[in-house]
């Protein structure tokens, strides 16, 4: 009779790229892996397992941090396992503190966007004859309102 050849492949990691988010940006680490299913993924930071939290979400082979903090920087390990083996790979999250690295041009660009937004908000309020009791910096999504205080005098 016919024969069936079953090839079982141990788990192995194909890629785990590093991440370089800016402070408070979201970040996703994705561990691409291959092997006979089912594959189980475990994430570690140093010797500690990464756990779900208010701003930490996990899916099959990735995890997300909604608002990255400087304290989230470091080395992360993805471990993938199946019945035939296990593999691991490390990656690094490097967090950039934007407030320290904004160039003059970037600040000017942010200011012009905020001013344009504020003008639009004011025109909208004026045209609808309504009053608004909400700070402009929240409407216009200013990351650090103190940087733009001269526009809120």
C-alpha atoms as a PDB file:
ATOM      1  CA  UNK A   1       0.000   0.000   0.000  1.00  0.00           C
ATOM      2  CA  UNK A   2       0.984   3.691  -0.140  1.00  0.00           C
ATOM      3  CA  UNK A   3       3.315   5.085   2.479  1.00  0.00           C
ATOM      4  CA  UNK A   4       2.956   8.437   4.173  1.00  0.00           C
ATOM      5  CA  UNK A   5       6.080  10.348   5.119  1.00  0.00           C
ATOM      6  CA  UNK A   6       5.571  12.713   8.051  1.00  0.00           C
ATOM      7  CA  UNK A   7       8.335  15.230   8.621  1.00  0.00           C
ATOM      8  CA  UNK A   8       8.353  16.897  12.023  1.00  0.00           C
ATOM      9  CA  UNK A   9      10.310  20.146  12.173  1.00  0.00           C
ATOM     10  CA  UNK A  10      11.753  21.433  15.463  1.00  0.00           C
ATOM     11  CA  UNK A  11      10.818  24.998  16.342  1.00  0.00           C
ATOM     12  CA  UNK A  12      13.189  27.643  15.038  1.00  0.00           C
ATOM     13  CA  UNK A  13      13.168  31.405  14.912  1.00  0.00           C
ATOM     14  CA  UNK A  14      13.364  33.116  11.534  1.00  0.00           C
ATOM     15  CA  UNK A  15      13.597  36.729  12.685  1.00  0.00           C
ATOM     16  CA  UNK A  16      13.217  39.003  15.706  1.00  0.00           C
ATOM     17  CA  UNK A  17      13.977  42.586  14.667  1.00  0.00           C
ATOM     18  CA  UNK A  18      15.017  45.226  17.241  1.00  0.00           C
ATOM     19  CA  UNK A  19      12.780  48.202  18.001  1.00  0.00           C
ATOM     20  CA  UNK A  20      13.730  51.867  18.421  1.00  0.00           C
ATOM     21  CA  UNK A  21      10.559  53.645  19.538  1.00  0.00           C
ATOM     22  CA  UNK A  22      10.336  57.207  20.791  1.00  0.00           C
ATOM     23  CA  UNK A  23       9.161  57.793  24.342  1.00  0.00           C
ATOM     24  CA  UNK A  24       5.400  57.114  24.790  1.00  0.00           C
ATOM     25  CA  UNK A  25       5.082  55.631  21.287  1.00  0.00           C
ATOM     26  CA  UNK A  26       3.590  52.150  20.920  1.00  0.00           C
ATOM     27  CA  UNK A  27       5.979  49.302  20.071  1.00  0.00           C
ATOM     28  CA  UNK A  28       5.479  45.750  18.811  1.00  0.00           C
ATOM     29  CA  UNK A  29       8.044  42.963  18.953  1.00  0.00           C
ATOM     30  CA  UNK A  30       7.306  40.144  16.511  1.00  0.00           C
ATOM     31  CA  UNK A  31       9.043  36.787  16.693  1.00  0.00           C
ATOM     32  CA  UNK A  32       8.735  35.047  13.312  1.00  0.00           C
ATOM     33  CA  UNK A  33       9.154  31.312  13.767  1.00  0.00           C
ATOM     34  CA  UNK A  34       8.816  28.055  11.865  1.00  0.00           C
ATOM     35  CA  UNK A  35       8.238  24.456  12.880  1.00  0.00           C
ATOM     36  CA  UNK A  36       5.624  21.754  13.308  1.00  0.00           C
ATOM     37  CA  UNK A  37       2.534  23.135  15.030  1.00  0.00           C
ATOM     38  CA  UNK A  38       1.544  23.821  17.679  1.00  0.00           C
ATOM     39  CA  UNK A  39       4.209  26.420  18.473  1.00  0.00           C
ATOM     40  CA  UNK A  40       4.315  28.000  21.935  1.00  0.00           C
ATOM     41  CA  UNK A  41       5.864  31.447  22.432  1.00  0.00           C
ATOM     42  CA  UNK A  42       7.304  32.770  25.678  1.00  0.00           C
ATOM     43  CA  UNK A  43       8.693  36.287  26.099  1.00  0.00           C
ATOM     44  CA  UNK A  44      11.308  37.191  28.673  1.00  0.00           C
ATOM     45  CA  UNK A  45      13.051  40.336  29.720  1.00  0.00           C
ATOM     46  CA  UNK A  46      16.266  39.218  31.392  1.00  0.00           C
ATOM     47  CA  UNK A  47      15.213  36.289  33.560  1.00  0.00           C
ATOM     48  CA  UNK A  48      11.651  37.578  34.054  1.00  0.00           C
ATOM     49  CA  UNK A  49       8.695  36.482  31.955  1.00  0.00           C
ATOM     50  CA  UNK A  50       6.888  39.359  30.234  1.00  0.00           C
ATOM     51  CA  UNK A  51       3.406  39.542  31.728  1.00  0.00           C
ATOM     52  CA  UNK A  52       0.199  41.138  30.554  1.00  0.00           C
ATOM     53  CA  UNK A  53      -0.385  44.575  32.036  1.00  0.00           C
ATOM     54  CA  UNK A  54      -2.582  47.617  31.456  1.00  0.00           C
ATOM     55  CA  UNK A  55      -0.455  48.633  28.462  1.00  0.00           C
ATOM     56  CA  UNK A  56       1.100  45.261  27.511  1.00  0.00           C
ATOM     57  CA  UNK A  57      -0.810  43.075  25.045  1.00  0.00           C
ATOM     58  CA  UNK A  58       0.249  39.677  23.721  1.00  0.00           C
ATOM     59  CA  UNK A  59      -0.809  37.694  20.703  1.00  0.00           C
ATOM     60  CA  UNK A  60       0.468  34.414  19.269  1.00  0.00           C
ATOM     61  CA  UNK A  61       3.997  35.482  18.323  1.00  0.00           C
ATOM     62  CA  UNK A  62       4.177  39.152  19.295  1.00  0.00           C
ATOM     63  CA  UNK A  63       3.682  41.527  22.144  1.00  0.00           C
ATOM     64  CA  UNK A  64       2.833  45.207  22.220  1.00  0.00           C
ATOM     65  CA  UNK A  65       3.602  47.946  24.704  1.00  0.00           C
ATOM     66  CA  UNK A  66       1.075  50.754  24.216  1.00  0.00           C
ATOM     67  CA  UNK A  67       3.111  53.594  25.774  1.00  0.00           C
ATOM     68  CA  UNK A  68       6.812  52.827  25.848  1.00  0.00           C
ATOM     69  CA  UNK A  69       8.727  54.196  28.840  1.00  0.00           C
ATOM     70  CA  UNK A  70      12.470  54.626  29.312  1.00  0.00           C
ATOM     71  CA  UNK A  71      12.263  51.765  31.824  1.00  0.00           C
ATOM     72  CA  UNK A  72      11.062  49.422  29.021  1.00  0.00           C
ATOM     73  CA  UNK A  73      14.429  49.667  27.233  1.00  0.00           C
ATOM     74  CA  UNK A  74      16.545  46.536  27.348  1.00  0.00           C
ATOM     75  CA  UNK A  75      17.069  43.044  25.985  1.00  0.00           C
ATOM     76  CA  UNK A  76      14.056  40.843  25.292  1.00  0.00           C
ATOM     77  CA  UNK A  77      14.105  37.131  24.488  1.00  0.00           C
ATOM     78  CA  UNK A  78      11.605  35.202  22.408  1.00  0.00           C
ATOM     79  CA  UNK A  79      11.496  31.463  23.171  1.00  0.00           C
ATOM     80  CA  UNK A  80       9.552  29.251  20.783  1.00  0.00           C
ATOM     81  CA  UNK A  81       8.833  25.578  21.535  1.00  0.00           C
ATOM     82  CA  UNK A  82       7.105  22.621  20.009  1.00  0.00           C
ATOM     83  CA  UNK A  83       7.175  18.858  20.740  1.00  0.00           C
ATOM     84  CA  UNK A  84      10.387  18.482  18.726  1.00  0.00           C
ATOM     85  CA  UNK A  85      12.567  21.263  20.075  1.00  0.00           C
ATOM     86  CA  UNK A  86      12.967  24.837  21.260  1.00  0.00           C
ATOM     87  CA  UNK A  87      14.819  27.908  20.067  1.00  0.00           C
ATOM     88  CA  UNK A  88      15.408  31.395  21.400  1.00  0.00           C
ATOM     89  CA  UNK A  89      16.558  34.741  20.082  1.00  0.00           C
ATOM     90  CA  UNK A  90      17.314  38.099  21.686  1.00  0.00           C
ATOM     91  CA  UNK A  91      16.429  41.566  20.540  1.00  0.00           C
ATOM     92  CA  UNK A  92      16.846  45.036  21.982  1.00  0.00           C
ATOM     93  CA  UNK A  93      14.362  47.836  22.576  1.00  0.00           C
ATOM     94  CA  UNK A  94      16.118  51.203  22.530  1.00  0.00           C
ATOM     95  CA  UNK A  95      13.880  54.060  23.691  1.00  0.00           C
ATOM     96  CA  UNK A  96      14.591  57.579  22.459  1.00  0.00           C
ATOM     97  CA  UNK A  97      13.587  60.448  24.724  1.00  0.00           C
ATOM     98  CA  UNK A  98      12.177  62.846  22.133  1.00  0.00           C
ATOM     99  CA  UNK A  99      12.381  65.839  24.445  1.00  0.00           C
ATOM    100  CA  UNK A 100      16.169  65.521  24.414  1.00  0.00           C
ATOM    101  CA  UNK A 101      16.560  64.974  20.682  1.00  0.00           C
ATOM    102  CA  UNK A 102      14.129  67.379  18.985  1.00  0.00           C
ATOM    103  CA  UNK A 103      15.970  69.526  16.493  1.00  0.00           C
ATOM    104  CA  UNK A 104      15.035  73.161  15.967  1.00  0.00           C
ATOM    105  CA  UNK A 105      13.360  72.159  12.686  1.00  0.00           C
ATOM    106  CA  UNK A 106      11.304  69.450  14.400  1.00  0.00           C
ATOM    107  CA  UNK A 107      10.150  71.859  17.113  1.00  0.00           C
ATOM    108  CA  UNK A 108       9.264  74.478  14.478  1.00  0.00           C
ATOM    109  CA  UNK A 109       7.339  71.845  12.513  1.00  0.00           C
ATOM    110  CA  UNK A 110       5.415  70.734  15.617  1.00  0.00           C
ATOM    111  CA  UNK A 111       4.651  74.341  16.523  1.00  0.00           C
ATOM    112  CA  UNK A 112       3.341  75.132  13.046  1.00  0.00           C
ATOM    113  CA  UNK A 113       1.108  72.020  13.143  1.00  0.00           C
ATOM    114  CA  UNK A 114      -0.228  73.010  16.569  1.00  0.00           C
ATOM    115  CA  UNK A 115      -0.842  76.617  15.524  1.00  0.00           C
ATOM    116  CA  UNK A 116      -2.626  75.452  12.354  1.00  0.00           C
ATOM    117  CA  UNK A 117      -4.759  73.113  14.462  1.00  0.00           C
ATOM    118  CA  UNK A 118      -5.564  75.851  16.966  1.00  0.00           C
ATOM    119  CA  UNK A 119      -6.607  78.244  14.184  1.00  0.00           C
ATOM    120  CA  UNK A 120      -8.876  75.519  12.782  1.00  0.00           C
ATOM    121  CA  UNK A 121     -10.389  74.875  16.236  1.00  0.00           C
ATOM    122  CA  UNK A 122     -10.971  78.613  16.778  1.00  0.00           C
ATOM    123  CA  UNK A 123     -12.627  78.967  13.356  1.00  0.00           C
ATOM    124  CA  UNK A 124     -14.836  75.959  14.075  1.00  0.00           C
ATOM    125  CA  UNK A 125     -15.854  77.395  17.434  1.00  0.00           C
ATOM    126  CA  UNK A 126     -16.483  80.852  15.911  1.00  0.00           C
ATOM    127  CA  UNK A 127     -18.548  79.461  13.023  1.00  0.00           C
ATOM    128  CA  UNK A 128     -20.703  77.301  15.291  1.00  0.00           C
ATOM    129  CA  UNK A 129     -21.161  80.047  17.900  1.00  0.00           C
ATOM    130  CA  UNK A 130     -20.398  77.579  20.683  1.00  0.00           C
ATOM    131  CA  UNK A 131     -18.050  77.949  23.594  1.00  0.00           C
ATOM    132  CA  UNK A 132     -15.565  75.294  24.491  1.00  0.00           C
ATOM    133  CA  UNK A 133     -14.194  74.570  27.924  1.00  0.00           C
ATOM    134  CA  UNK A 134     -11.346  72.271  26.926  1.00  0.00           C
ATOM    135  CA  UNK A 135      -7.638  73.042  26.645  1.00  0.00           C
ATOM    136  CA  UNK A 136      -6.390  73.545  23.087  1.00  0.00           C
ATOM    137  CA  UNK A 137      -3.272  71.498  23.754  1.00  0.00           C
ATOM    138  CA  UNK A 138      -5.461  68.409  24.290  1.00  0.00           C
ATOM    139  CA  UNK A 139      -7.542  69.043  21.173  1.00  0.00           C
ATOM    140  CA  UNK A 140      -4.402  69.625  19.129  1.00  0.00           C
ATOM    141  CA  UNK A 141      -2.522  66.695  20.717  1.00  0.00           C
ATOM    142  CA  UNK A 142       0.500  68.597  21.958  1.00  0.00           C
ATOM    143  CA  UNK A 143       2.859  66.016  23.369  1.00  0.00           C
ATOM    144  CA  UNK A 144       4.366  68.372  25.939  1.00  0.00           C
ATOM    145  CA  UNK A 145       2.224  71.441  26.458  1.00  0.00           C
ATOM    146  CA  UNK A 146       4.930  73.267  28.414  1.00  0.00           C
ATOM    147  CA  UNK A 147       7.057  73.377  25.234  1.00  0.00           C
ATOM    148  CA  UNK A 148       4.306  75.384  23.568  1.00  0.00           C
ATOM    149  CA  UNK A 149       3.325  77.604  26.494  1.00  0.00           C
ATOM    150  CA  UNK A 150       4.087  80.798  24.569  1.00  0.00           C
ATOM    151  CA  UNK A 151       1.187  79.932  22.239  1.00  0.00           C
ATOM    152  CA  UNK A 152      -1.270  79.546  25.112  1.00  0.00           C
ATOM    153  CA  UNK A 153      -0.723  82.958  26.744  1.00  0.00           C
END
